[in-house]
Protein backbone atom coordinates (compact mmCIF):
# COMPACT_ATOMS: atom_id res chain seq x y z
CA MET A 1 -84.16 -68.69 20.65
CA LYS A 2 -87.92 -69.10 20.89
CA ILE A 3 -89.29 -69.01 24.44
CA LEU A 4 -92.91 -69.90 25.06
CA VAL A 5 -94.09 -68.24 28.28
CA LEU A 6 -97.28 -69.65 29.81
CA GLY A 7 -98.92 -66.84 31.71
CA GLY A 8 -96.68 -64.41 29.83
CA TYR A 9 -98.91 -61.42 30.45
CA GLY A 10 -99.20 -62.12 34.19
CA VAL A 11 -97.15 -60.69 37.06
CA PHE A 12 -94.11 -62.97 36.88
CA GLY A 13 -94.26 -63.82 33.19
CA GLY A 14 -94.63 -60.15 32.24
CA ARG A 15 -91.67 -59.14 34.37
CA LEU A 16 -89.54 -61.93 32.90
CA ALA A 17 -90.37 -60.68 29.42
CA THR A 18 -89.37 -57.16 30.46
CA LEU A 19 -86.04 -58.44 31.82
CA LEU A 20 -85.35 -60.18 28.50
CA SER A 21 -86.52 -57.25 26.38
CA ASP A 22 -82.96 -56.37 25.31
CA VAL A 23 -82.20 -59.87 23.97
CA ALA A 24 -82.68 -59.16 20.27
CA GLU A 25 -81.93 -62.75 19.24
CA SER A 26 -84.95 -64.10 21.15
CA GLU A 27 -88.63 -64.49 20.34
CA LEU A 28 -91.03 -64.45 23.28
CA VAL A 29 -94.38 -66.11 22.69
CA ILE A 30 -96.74 -64.56 25.25
CA CYS A 31 -99.26 -67.28 26.03
CA GLY A 32 -102.40 -67.56 28.10
CA ARG A 33 -106.06 -68.43 27.97
CA ASP A 34 -107.03 -64.79 27.41
CA LEU A 35 -105.86 -63.77 23.94
CA THR A 36 -107.05 -60.20 24.47
CA ARG A 37 -104.70 -59.75 27.42
CA ALA A 38 -101.82 -61.33 25.50
CA GLU A 39 -102.45 -58.99 22.58
CA ALA A 40 -102.64 -55.96 24.88
CA PHE A 41 -99.30 -56.91 26.45
CA CYS A 42 -97.62 -57.25 23.06
CA ALA A 43 -99.18 -54.01 21.78
CA GLU A 44 -97.33 -52.05 24.47
CA TRP A 45 -94.01 -53.80 23.84
CA THR A 46 -90.96 -51.58 23.30
CA GLY A 47 -88.08 -54.05 23.64
CA SER A 48 -85.72 -55.30 20.92
CA ALA A 49 -86.74 -58.91 21.52
CA ARG A 50 -89.63 -60.04 19.33
CA VAL A 51 -92.95 -60.79 21.03
CA ARG A 52 -96.07 -62.52 19.76
CA PRO A 53 -99.38 -63.24 21.49
CA LEU A 54 -100.85 -66.73 21.53
CA ALA A 55 -104.02 -68.20 23.03
CA LEU A 56 -102.90 -71.42 24.73
CA ASP A 57 -104.30 -73.34 27.67
CA ARG A 58 -102.24 -75.77 29.76
CA ALA A 59 -104.66 -78.51 28.73
CA ASP A 60 -103.61 -78.03 25.11
CA ILE A 61 -99.88 -77.74 25.74
CA SER A 62 -98.92 -80.72 23.54
CA GLU A 63 -100.68 -79.19 20.53
CA GLY A 64 -99.04 -75.84 21.29
CA ILE A 65 -95.57 -77.37 21.41
CA SER A 66 -96.14 -79.18 18.11
CA ALA A 67 -97.32 -76.00 16.43
CA GLU A 68 -94.71 -73.60 17.85
CA ARG A 69 -91.65 -75.85 18.29
CA PRO A 70 -90.12 -73.63 21.05
CA ASP A 71 -86.59 -74.00 22.37
CA LEU A 72 -87.73 -73.41 25.93
CA ILE A 73 -91.03 -73.36 27.83
CA VAL A 74 -91.42 -71.23 30.94
CA ASP A 75 -94.48 -71.90 33.10
CA ALA A 76 -95.41 -68.65 34.86
CA SER A 77 -99.11 -69.39 35.17
CA GLY A 78 -100.01 -71.09 38.46
CA PRO A 79 -101.26 -71.38 41.08
CA PHE A 80 -99.20 -74.56 41.16
CA GLN A 81 -101.02 -75.69 44.31
CA ASP A 82 -104.23 -76.09 42.25
CA TYR A 83 -102.99 -78.01 39.22
CA GLY A 84 -105.02 -81.07 40.19
CA GLU A 85 -104.20 -84.71 39.57
CA ASP A 86 -102.48 -84.13 36.24
CA ARG A 87 -100.34 -81.33 37.63
CA TYR A 88 -97.20 -82.32 35.72
CA ARG A 89 -98.92 -82.21 32.32
CA VAL A 90 -96.61 -79.46 30.98
CA ILE A 91 -93.44 -81.17 32.22
CA SER A 92 -94.43 -84.49 30.63
CA ALA A 93 -95.27 -82.79 27.34
CA CYS A 94 -91.91 -80.99 27.30
CA ILE A 95 -89.97 -84.19 27.90
CA ASP A 96 -91.93 -86.03 25.21
CA ALA A 97 -91.22 -83.21 22.74
CA GLY A 98 -87.57 -82.77 23.75
CA VAL A 99 -88.09 -79.18 24.92
CA ASP A 100 -86.35 -77.65 27.93
CA TYR A 101 -88.57 -76.44 30.80
CA LEU A 102 -88.43 -73.88 33.62
CA ASP A 103 -91.12 -72.73 36.03
CA PHE A 104 -91.82 -70.26 38.83
CA ALA A 105 -93.51 -72.89 41.04
CA ASP A 106 -93.93 -71.74 44.63
CA ALA A 107 -95.77 -74.90 45.79
CA ALA A 108 -93.41 -77.00 47.90
CA ASP A 109 -95.06 -80.36 47.13
CA PHE A 110 -95.10 -79.63 43.39
CA VAL A 111 -91.39 -78.78 43.27
CA PHE A 112 -90.43 -81.66 45.57
CA GLY A 113 -92.14 -84.12 43.21
CA VAL A 114 -90.36 -83.02 40.02
CA PRO A 115 -87.32 -85.37 40.40
CA GLN A 116 -89.62 -88.31 39.58
CA PHE A 117 -89.09 -87.27 35.94
CA ASP A 118 -85.30 -87.18 36.20
CA ALA A 119 -84.58 -90.40 34.28
CA GLN A 120 -87.01 -89.49 31.50
CA ALA A 121 -85.56 -86.00 31.14
CA LYS A 122 -82.00 -87.33 30.97
CA ALA A 123 -83.02 -89.87 28.34
CA ALA A 124 -84.60 -87.06 26.30
CA GLY A 125 -81.55 -84.84 26.77
CA VAL A 126 -83.55 -81.95 28.27
CA PHE A 127 -83.44 -80.09 31.56
CA VAL A 128 -86.50 -79.59 33.74
CA LEU A 129 -85.96 -77.10 36.57
CA SER A 130 -88.80 -76.26 38.92
CA GLY A 131 -89.12 -73.50 41.51
CA VAL A 132 -86.74 -71.18 39.65
CA SER A 133 -87.36 -68.03 41.67
CA SER A 134 -86.11 -66.20 44.76
CA PHE A 135 -87.40 -69.12 46.83
CA PRO A 136 -85.42 -71.42 46.66
CA VAL A 137 -82.76 -70.43 44.08
CA LEU A 138 -81.52 -67.22 45.69
CA THR A 139 -81.94 -68.63 49.20
CA ALA A 140 -79.82 -71.68 48.38
CA ALA A 141 -77.16 -69.58 46.66
CA VAL A 142 -76.82 -67.52 49.86
CA LEU A 143 -76.60 -70.62 52.03
CA ARG A 144 -73.82 -72.06 49.86
CA GLU A 145 -71.82 -68.90 50.51
CA MET A 146 -72.41 -69.26 54.25
CA ALA A 147 -71.64 -72.98 54.26
CA ALA A 148 -68.12 -72.23 53.03
CA THR A 149 -67.24 -70.80 56.46
CA MET A 150 -69.65 -72.49 58.87
CA THR A 151 -71.64 -75.66 59.50
CA ILE A 152 -75.27 -74.55 59.19
CA VAL A 153 -77.70 -76.00 61.73
CA SER A 154 -80.68 -73.64 61.64
CA VAL A 155 -82.08 -71.40 58.89
CA GLU A 156 -84.70 -68.66 58.87
CA GLY A 157 -85.54 -66.50 55.90
CA GLY A 158 -88.14 -64.15 54.57
CA ILE A 159 -89.17 -61.82 51.81
CA ALA A 160 -90.81 -58.44 52.34
CA PRO A 161 -92.35 -56.95 49.19
CA SER A 162 -92.95 -53.25 48.80
CA PRO A 163 -96.59 -52.32 49.47
CA TYR A 164 -96.60 -50.83 45.96
CA ALA A 165 -95.31 -53.96 44.22
CA GLY A 166 -98.71 -55.49 43.59
CA ILE A 167 -99.59 -59.16 43.92
CA GLY A 168 -101.13 -61.44 41.32
CA LEU A 169 -104.47 -63.16 41.85
CA ASN A 170 -102.95 -66.63 41.40
CA VAL A 171 -100.33 -65.89 44.05
CA MET A 172 -103.05 -64.65 46.38
CA ARG A 173 -105.09 -67.82 45.78
CA ALA A 174 -102.07 -69.93 46.69
CA VAL A 175 -101.26 -67.98 49.86
CA VAL A 176 -104.82 -67.78 51.15
CA GLY A 177 -105.31 -71.43 50.29
CA TYR A 178 -102.68 -72.68 52.75
CA ALA A 179 -103.41 -70.08 55.47
CA GLY A 180 -104.13 -72.09 58.59
CA ALA A 181 -103.23 -75.39 56.88
CA PRO A 182 -100.32 -77.71 57.82
CA VAL A 183 -97.02 -76.76 56.17
CA LYS A 184 -94.27 -79.37 55.86
CA LEU A 185 -90.90 -78.32 57.27
CA ARG A 186 -87.90 -79.62 59.19
CA ARG A 187 -87.88 -78.92 62.92
CA HIS A 188 -85.47 -80.27 65.55
CA GLY A 189 -83.95 -82.61 62.99
CA GLU A 190 -87.24 -84.31 62.08
CA GLN A 191 -90.00 -83.92 59.52
CA ALA A 192 -92.72 -81.79 61.10
CA PHE A 193 -95.57 -79.42 60.32
CA GLY A 194 -96.05 -75.73 60.96
CA VAL A 195 -99.23 -73.73 60.49
CA GLY A 196 -99.28 -71.58 57.37
CA LEU A 197 -99.41 -67.83 58.12
CA ALA A 198 -100.12 -68.50 61.80
CA GLU A 199 -96.46 -68.58 62.96
CA SER A 200 -94.61 -65.26 62.94
CA ILE A 201 -91.26 -63.67 63.73
CA ARG A 202 -89.94 -60.11 63.46
CA PHE A 203 -86.78 -59.10 61.63
CA THR A 204 -85.05 -55.97 60.34
CA VAL A 205 -83.62 -56.21 56.83
CA ALA A 206 -80.48 -54.07 56.98
CA VAL A 207 -77.79 -54.21 54.30
CA PRO A 208 -74.61 -52.87 55.99
CA GLY A 209 -74.27 -49.14 55.42
CA ARG A 210 -77.73 -48.76 53.81
CA LEU A 211 -80.98 -47.41 55.19
CA PRO A 212 -82.68 -50.51 56.64
CA LEU A 213 -86.29 -51.46 56.23
CA ARG A 214 -88.47 -50.89 59.25
CA ASN A 215 -88.78 -53.89 61.55
CA ILE A 216 -91.18 -56.26 59.81
CA ARG A 217 -93.44 -59.11 60.84
CA PHE A 218 -92.86 -62.29 58.79
CA SER A 219 -95.28 -65.23 58.77
CA LEU A 220 -94.69 -68.85 57.72
CA VAL A 221 -95.29 -69.57 54.03
CA ASP A 222 -95.36 -72.86 52.14
CA VAL A 223 -92.43 -72.43 49.77
CA PRO A 224 -90.16 -75.02 48.10
CA ASP A 225 -87.21 -74.11 50.34
CA LEU A 226 -88.78 -75.98 53.25
CA GLN A 227 -88.49 -79.30 51.42
CA VAL A 228 -85.70 -78.95 48.84
CA ILE A 229 -83.03 -77.13 50.86
CA PRO A 230 -82.48 -79.66 53.72
CA PRO A 231 -81.36 -82.44 51.33
CA GLU A 232 -78.79 -80.01 49.88
CA PHE A 233 -77.48 -79.13 53.37
CA PRO A 234 -77.74 -82.29 55.51
CA THR A 235 -76.58 -80.54 58.69
CA ILE A 236 -79.72 -78.36 58.79
CA ASP A 237 -82.03 -79.40 61.64
CA ASP A 238 -84.46 -76.48 61.43
CA ILE A 239 -85.74 -74.40 58.53
CA TRP A 240 -88.41 -71.70 58.45
CA MET A 241 -89.40 -69.30 55.68
CA GLY A 242 -91.77 -66.36 55.87
CA ALA A 243 -93.30 -63.45 54.00
CA GLY A 244 -93.74 -59.95 55.39
CA PRO A 245 -96.53 -58.17 53.48
CA VAL A 246 -97.46 -54.68 54.59
CA PRO A 247 -99.45 -52.83 55.85
CA GLU A 248 -99.10 -54.86 59.02
CA ILE A 249 -102.72 -54.44 60.09
CA LEU A 250 -103.88 -56.50 57.08
CA HIS A 251 -101.10 -59.00 57.71
CA ARG A 252 -102.30 -59.47 61.29
CA ILE A 253 -105.89 -59.97 60.13
CA LEU A 254 -104.69 -62.79 57.89
CA ASN A 255 -102.74 -64.21 60.86
CA LEU A 256 -105.93 -64.23 62.96
CA LEU A 257 -107.94 -65.94 60.24
CA ALA A 258 -105.19 -68.55 59.72
CA GLY A 259 -105.04 -69.22 63.45
CA ALA A 260 -108.83 -69.55 63.67
CA ARG A 261 -108.90 -72.01 60.77
CA ALA A 262 -106.19 -74.15 62.36
CA ARG A 263 -107.77 -74.10 65.83
CA PHE A 264 -111.41 -74.66 64.93
CA GLY A 265 -110.97 -76.80 61.80
CA LEU A 266 -112.58 -74.24 59.52
CA PRO A 267 -112.66 -74.73 55.74
CA SER A 268 -110.08 -73.22 53.41
CA LEU A 269 -109.98 -69.45 53.09
CA ALA A 270 -109.41 -69.71 49.34
CA GLY A 271 -112.92 -68.38 48.74
CA PHE A 272 -111.76 -65.00 50.05
CA SER A 273 -108.85 -64.76 47.58
CA ARG A 274 -110.44 -62.08 45.42
CA LEU A 275 -111.32 -60.01 48.49
CA PHE A 276 -107.74 -60.13 49.81
CA TYR A 277 -106.42 -59.48 46.31
CA ALA A 278 -108.56 -56.37 45.96
CA VAL A 279 -107.78 -55.02 49.42
CA LEU A 280 -104.02 -55.60 49.33
CA ASN A 281 -103.65 -54.05 45.88
CA ARG A 282 -105.57 -50.96 46.92
CA THR A 283 -104.16 -50.43 50.39
CA ARG A 284 -100.77 -48.97 49.57
CA PHE A 285 -98.89 -46.68 51.89
CA GLY A 286 -95.47 -46.51 53.51
CA GLU A 287 -92.01 -46.78 51.97
CA HIS A 288 -91.75 -48.00 48.38
CA ARG A 289 -89.01 -50.46 49.27
CA GLY A 290 -88.70 -54.20 49.73
CA GLY A 291 -86.18 -56.73 50.95
CA MET A 292 -85.20 -60.26 51.74
CA PHE A 293 -83.12 -61.97 54.43
CA VAL A 294 -81.55 -65.31 55.27
CA ARG A 295 -80.32 -65.91 58.82
CA ALA A 296 -78.28 -68.98 59.70
CA GLN A 297 -77.01 -70.32 62.99
CA GLY A 298 -74.32 -72.95 63.23
CA VAL A 299 -70.73 -73.70 64.18
CA ALA A 300 -67.44 -72.24 62.97
CA ASP A 301 -64.05 -73.04 64.50
CA GLY A 302 -65.78 -74.82 67.36
CA GLN A 303 -67.85 -71.75 68.26
CA THR A 304 -71.58 -71.12 67.90
CA VAL A 305 -72.11 -68.36 65.33
CA GLU A 306 -74.95 -66.47 63.69
CA ARG A 307 -74.68 -64.94 60.24
CA SER A 308 -77.23 -63.22 58.09
CA TRP A 309 -77.62 -62.03 54.52
CA HIS A 310 -79.70 -58.99 53.65
CA LEU A 311 -81.10 -57.61 50.39
CA LEU A 312 -82.72 -54.22 49.83
CA ALA A 313 -84.55 -53.14 46.69
CA GLU A 314 -85.74 -49.59 46.14
CA GLY A 315 -88.84 -48.52 44.21
CA ASP A 316 -89.95 -50.63 41.27
CA ASP A 317 -86.78 -52.75 41.07
CA GLY A 318 -87.69 -55.21 43.82
CA PRO A 319 -90.61 -56.92 42.05
CA PHE A 320 -88.25 -58.04 39.27
CA ILE A 321 -86.06 -60.15 41.59
CA PRO A 322 -88.24 -63.33 41.55
CA SER A 323 -87.98 -63.38 37.74
CA MET A 324 -84.23 -62.84 37.66
CA ALA A 325 -83.34 -66.49 38.27
CA ILE A 326 -84.94 -67.53 34.99
CA GLU A 327 -83.45 -64.46 33.31
CA ALA A 328 -79.99 -65.59 34.43
CA ILE A 329 -80.49 -69.12 33.08
CA VAL A 330 -81.76 -67.80 29.73
CA ARG A 331 -78.78 -65.48 29.37
CA LYS A 332 -76.46 -68.37 30.20
CA LEU A 333 -78.18 -70.50 27.54
CA LEU A 334 -77.57 -67.82 24.95
CA ILE A 335 -73.81 -68.08 25.50
CA GLY A 336 -73.82 -71.87 25.53
CA ASP A 337 -73.84 -72.41 29.31
CA ARG A 338 -76.54 -75.04 29.61
CA PRO A 339 -77.89 -76.80 32.74
CA ALA A 340 -77.25 -80.52 32.87
CA PRO A 341 -80.08 -82.73 31.58
CA GLY A 342 -82.48 -84.08 34.19
CA ALA A 343 -85.50 -83.07 36.25
CA ARG A 344 -85.01 -81.42 39.63
CA SER A 345 -85.68 -78.31 41.66
CA GLY A 346 -83.79 -75.14 40.79
CA VAL A 347 -82.07 -75.14 44.17
CA SER A 348 -78.59 -75.58 42.63
CA ALA A 349 -79.20 -73.67 39.41
CA LEU A 350 -77.27 -70.49 40.27
CA GLN A 351 -74.54 -69.09 42.47
CA LEU A 352 -74.83 -65.78 44.29
CA ALA A 353 -72.31 -64.28 41.87
CA ASP A 354 -74.76 -64.94 39.03
CA TYR A 355 -77.09 -62.34 40.52
CA GLU A 356 -74.51 -59.57 40.71
CA PRO A 357 -74.68 -58.52 37.03
CA LEU A 358 -78.47 -58.69 37.21
CA PHE A 359 -78.57 -56.33 40.20
CA ALA A 360 -76.02 -53.95 38.67
CA GLY A 361 -77.59 -50.77 37.38
CA ARG A 362 -80.65 -51.26 39.58
CA ALA A 363 -81.37 -49.94 43.05
CA ILE A 364 -80.69 -53.35 44.61
CA ALA A 365 -78.05 -53.96 47.27
CA MET A 366 -77.09 -57.02 49.30
CA GLY A 367 -74.60 -57.85 52.02
CA PHE A 368 -73.68 -60.24 54.82
CA ARG A 369 -73.56 -59.62 58.54
CA HIS A 370 -71.67 -61.60 61.16
CA ASP A 371 -72.84 -61.31 64.75
CA GLU A 372 -69.72 -60.04 66.59
CA PRO A 373 -70.74 -58.73 70.07
CA ALA A 374 -67.12 -57.95 70.97
CA GLU A 375 -66.71 -55.37 68.19
CA PRO A 376 -66.79 -51.62 68.94
CA LEU A 377 -70.24 -50.05 68.71
CA TYR A 378 -70.22 -48.49 65.24
CA ARG A 379 -68.20 -51.33 63.73
CA ARG A 380 -70.77 -53.81 65.02
CA ILE A 381 -73.73 -51.90 63.55
CA LEU A 382 -72.10 -51.11 60.21
CA GLY A 383 -70.54 -54.54 59.78
CA PRO A 384 -68.35 -54.85 56.66
CA ALA A 385 -69.40 -51.33 55.59
CA PHE A 386 -67.30 -49.86 58.43
CA ALA A 387 -64.21 -50.31 56.25
CA LYS A 388 -65.70 -47.87 53.71
CA LEU A 389 -65.54 -44.96 56.16
CA PRO A 390 -62.76 -42.37 55.86
CA SER A 391 -59.84 -43.18 58.15
CA GLN A 392 -60.61 -40.26 60.51
CA LEU A 393 -64.10 -41.64 61.15
CA GLN A 394 -62.69 -45.12 61.70
CA ASP A 395 -60.24 -43.67 64.23
CA LEU A 396 -63.06 -42.03 66.20
CA HIS A 397 -65.39 -45.05 66.22
CA GLY A 398 -63.07 -48.04 65.98
CA SER A 399 -62.11 -48.51 69.63
CA HIS A 400 -63.50 -49.61 73.00
CA ALA A 401 -61.06 -47.35 74.87
CA THR A 402 -61.88 -43.96 76.31
CA ARG A 403 -60.83 -41.26 73.86
CA ARG A 404 -61.06 -37.48 73.66
CA TRP A 405 -61.33 -35.27 70.61
CA ALA A 406 -61.27 -31.47 70.52
CA GLY A 407 -61.89 -28.68 68.04
CA VAL A 408 -64.18 -25.76 67.27
CA ALA A 409 -67.87 -25.49 66.42
CA SER A 410 -70.61 -23.04 65.57
CA VAL A 411 -74.04 -23.34 67.18
CA ARG A 412 -77.48 -22.19 66.08
CA ARG A 413 -80.55 -22.39 68.32
CA GLY A 414 -84.25 -22.42 67.53
CA ARG A 415 -86.12 -19.21 68.25
CA GLY A 416 -89.48 -20.59 69.38
CA VAL A 417 -90.37 -20.70 73.07
CA ILE A 418 -90.92 -24.46 73.09
CA ALA A 419 -87.74 -25.04 71.08
CA LYS A 420 -85.74 -23.03 73.60
CA LEU A 421 -87.32 -24.96 76.49
CA VAL A 422 -86.46 -28.33 74.93
CA ALA A 423 -82.88 -27.16 74.28
CA VAL A 424 -82.50 -26.09 77.91
CA LEU A 425 -83.95 -29.35 79.28
CA VAL A 426 -81.55 -31.47 77.21
CA GLY A 427 -78.60 -29.16 77.86
CA PHE A 428 -77.84 -28.24 74.25
CA PRO A 429 -75.24 -25.46 73.84
CA ARG A 430 -76.08 -21.79 73.42
CA ALA A 431 -75.90 -20.12 70.02
CA ALA A 432 -72.42 -18.91 69.09
CA PRO A 433 -70.48 -18.29 65.85
CA GLN A 434 -67.39 -20.20 67.07
CA VAL A 435 -66.67 -21.94 70.36
CA PRO A 436 -64.16 -24.54 71.56
CA VAL A 437 -65.62 -28.04 71.78
CA THR A 438 -64.45 -31.34 73.23
CA VAL A 439 -66.05 -34.76 72.88
CA THR A 440 -65.17 -37.62 75.22
CA LEU A 441 -66.24 -41.16 74.35
CA SER A 442 -66.10 -43.68 77.19
CA PRO A 443 -67.41 -47.24 77.62
CA GLU A 444 -70.41 -47.66 79.92
CA ASN A 445 -72.11 -51.01 80.62
CA GLY A 446 -71.68 -52.35 77.12
CA ALA A 447 -72.63 -49.00 75.60
CA GLU A 448 -70.76 -45.75 74.99
CA ARG A 449 -71.24 -42.41 76.72
CA TRP A 450 -70.67 -39.28 74.65
CA THR A 451 -69.84 -36.23 76.74
CA ARG A 452 -69.83 -33.01 74.72
CA THR A 453 -68.49 -29.70 76.10
CA PHE A 454 -69.19 -26.49 74.19
CA ASP A 455 -67.37 -23.48 75.66
CA GLY A 456 -67.50 -24.96 79.17
CA LYS A 457 -71.14 -26.14 79.00
CA THR A 458 -71.54 -29.94 79.02
CA PHE A 459 -74.30 -32.33 77.94
CA SER A 460 -74.12 -36.06 77.34
CA SER A 461 -75.91 -39.02 75.84
CA VAL A 462 -75.49 -42.79 75.84
CA GLN A 463 -75.26 -44.72 72.58
CA ALA A 464 -75.88 -48.46 72.27
CA CYS A 465 -76.74 -51.17 69.74
CA GLY A 466 -80.46 -51.44 69.21
CA THR A 467 -82.35 -54.61 70.06
CA GLY A 468 -85.82 -55.93 69.20
CA ARG A 469 -87.54 -53.54 66.82
CA ASN A 470 -84.42 -51.36 66.89
CA GLN A 471 -82.21 -54.19 65.60
CA TYR A 472 -79.24 -52.93 63.53
CA LEU A 473 -79.93 -49.33 64.62
CA LEU A 474 -77.90 -47.06 66.90
CA VAL A 475 -79.98 -46.07 69.92
CA GLU A 476 -79.00 -42.76 71.52
CA ARG A 477 -80.53 -41.86 74.89
CA PHE A 478 -80.87 -38.33 76.29
CA GLY A 479 -82.44 -38.81 79.73
CA ILE A 480 -85.86 -40.43 79.24
CA ALA A 481 -85.85 -39.83 75.48
CA SER A 482 -84.33 -42.47 73.19
CA PHE A 483 -83.80 -42.20 69.44
CA ALA A 484 -83.11 -45.11 67.10
CA LEU A 485 -80.83 -43.96 64.28
CA ALA A 486 -79.82 -45.69 61.06
CA LEU A 487 -76.12 -45.47 60.19
CA VAL A 488 -76.00 -44.90 56.43
CA ILE A 489 -72.88 -44.41 54.31
CA GLU A 490 -73.21 -42.14 51.26
CA ASP A 491 -69.97 -41.34 49.46
CA ASP A 492 -67.59 -40.19 52.24
CA ARG A 493 -70.35 -39.24 54.70
CA LEU A 494 -71.79 -41.21 57.61
CA LEU A 495 -75.40 -40.13 58.00
CA LEU A 496 -77.43 -40.65 61.17
CA ILE A 497 -81.07 -40.93 60.12
CA PRO A 498 -83.86 -41.04 62.77
CA ARG A 499 -86.16 -44.08 62.42
CA ARG A 500 -87.96 -44.52 65.76
CA TRP A 501 -88.15 -42.84 69.16
CA SER A 502 -89.57 -43.36 72.62
CA LEU A 503 -90.10 -41.58 75.95
CA ALA A 504 -89.47 -43.59 79.12
CA GLY A 505 -89.58 -46.73 76.98
CA ILE A 506 -92.98 -45.88 75.45
CA PRO A 507 -92.91 -45.75 71.61
CA MET A 508 -93.87 -42.34 70.28
CA PRO A 509 -95.79 -41.59 67.05
CA ARG A 510 -93.69 -41.56 63.90
CA MET A 511 -95.29 -38.28 62.84
CA LEU A 512 -93.62 -36.57 65.82
CA LEU A 513 -90.18 -38.10 65.17
CA PRO A 514 -87.42 -35.45 65.33
CA THR A 515 -85.76 -34.81 61.99
CA GLY A 516 -82.70 -33.02 60.60
CA THR A 517 -79.61 -33.68 58.53
CA SER A 518 -76.88 -35.10 60.74
CA PHE A 519 -73.64 -36.57 59.43
CA GLU A 520 -69.93 -37.05 59.93
CA THR A 521 -67.37 -36.60 57.16
CA VAL A 522 -63.87 -35.32 56.41
CA GLU A 523 -63.20 -31.76 55.23
CA ARG A 524 -59.69 -30.57 54.40
CA GLY A 525 -58.26 -33.60 56.13
CA GLN A 526 -60.15 -33.06 59.40
CA PHE A 527 -63.00 -34.94 61.03
CA SER A 528 -66.11 -32.82 60.49
CA PHE A 529 -69.59 -33.09 62.02
CA ASN A 530 -72.98 -31.55 61.28
CA VAL A 531 -75.96 -32.03 63.60
CA GLU A 532 -79.44 -30.61 63.01
CA ILE A 533 -82.37 -31.37 65.32
CA SER A 534 -85.90 -30.22 64.53
CA MET A 535 -89.32 -31.42 65.63
CA PRO A 536 -92.68 -31.29 63.86
CA LEU A 537 -94.87 -28.42 65.10
CA ILE A 538 -91.91 -27.00 67.05
CA GLY A 539 -89.34 -26.36 64.34
CA GLU A 540 -85.59 -26.17 64.74
CA ILE A 541 -84.27 -26.84 68.24
CA VAL A 542 -80.52 -26.78 67.71
CA ALA A 543 -77.95 -27.10 64.95
CA TYR A 544 -74.20 -27.30 65.39
CA LYS A 545 -71.25 -28.13 63.16
CA GLY A 546 -67.48 -28.09 63.42
CA THR A 547 -64.27 -30.06 63.28
CA LEU A 548 -62.44 -32.33 65.73
CA GLU A 549 -59.00 -33.85 66.13
CA PRO A 550 -57.85 -36.55 68.56
CA VAL A 551 -56.24 -35.30 71.77
């Protein structure tokens, strides 16, 4: 199978080639206007698929097709927003030559206009699928899963790339170009316009049982989903899609510029594309992780419901996700599973199950959440992952009722003066090799009070579901100090990982966030706990571990 990839040495085309590197029966023709870059890409190739560089401009695509006679053309060049009047040149040439076509188009108007070639493509017996990327293919696949159990009325979604992922210049040109410009979308059941990168929401991407991303700011982007998804789901009255680039300070600067352009009628910011490209690709700090979410509101069994889908990608795996939709279609083609002839968006090209083998073996996880306020505290935060806990942990956390557990524990205290003072103020137990301990969990105003007694000395805290920037976190309050903890399941352990903290409601610096390994597990058939609390500059404050059984 010969695949001609326009922009094959670029960000998306290069990653697609990498994903297909193990397909020995394929030949990838790496095309672009810069032959030197194409040759450099091929010179570093280590895959079993054959690669070959080729100098080819979009303007000469007909000649290139005649000379190469490919089985499939993938357009990964862009920016699709700037293709000018003859923007469908490649699609027309493919249909005329009887060659199948896929693209990564992220321009909503471009993708929405592709069905005008449907009759011609069918007559030629070829398929033309546009916008074959995370937006809208993965988004639509998620919504089809949700639509099986609810009537969807409103949709919000977003993608948050890792700060280390890198962004291509063409993508930056596209994004900066529509910053502050009208963006077509559906709002309150009617066609409307938003303002690109000037409308924002916050969301926490949190796959059940995994360490969530930090709460991220997402801003409206002009992606195909806004126009091609509503026709697929006629009950949708509102749809909004955003991107959450970090660091947030640069994101907010772009928000301000977009707002100023919209308010004062300023010219396009596209002239600053290279500046933003340079700054964003050099300003890299924070967690090397990315994610994506889709949140839907609607009706199920006569009740208003909210459900969300979350995806997390660790390290360098996340940037490959936008190219995986085309990878999936190519792999299907190789086994004879061919899309129907015709020209359309890629919105119906794949099901969510098609992504599962692509994610396997990579540090990519996804999962659904259903908003169930009536569930017990830990079950609500962990969602479906709660069922993965050992039965003893489910017994402790799976009830609203007051319950009491008892056992033995050992306690270690910090030796520093400040550490001792903090331990006394909170009421942490004294150091001891083995003491009796009881823990009483009781409901309190929609939260849960934990009263711990070590050898007759008692201290307590209140645990609740986080809200706002603490969404999907467990918030534990000791007096005026509150700590937002992620509930993470690793093997048979439930880890409690500090993510944010505050004093009297005032957010405190992350560099001063208390740390320590704290978890619950089962040892020799008994519920076992391990709590370690340390603070930067102060050191260890307290550490205690032991076992409990229900009374």
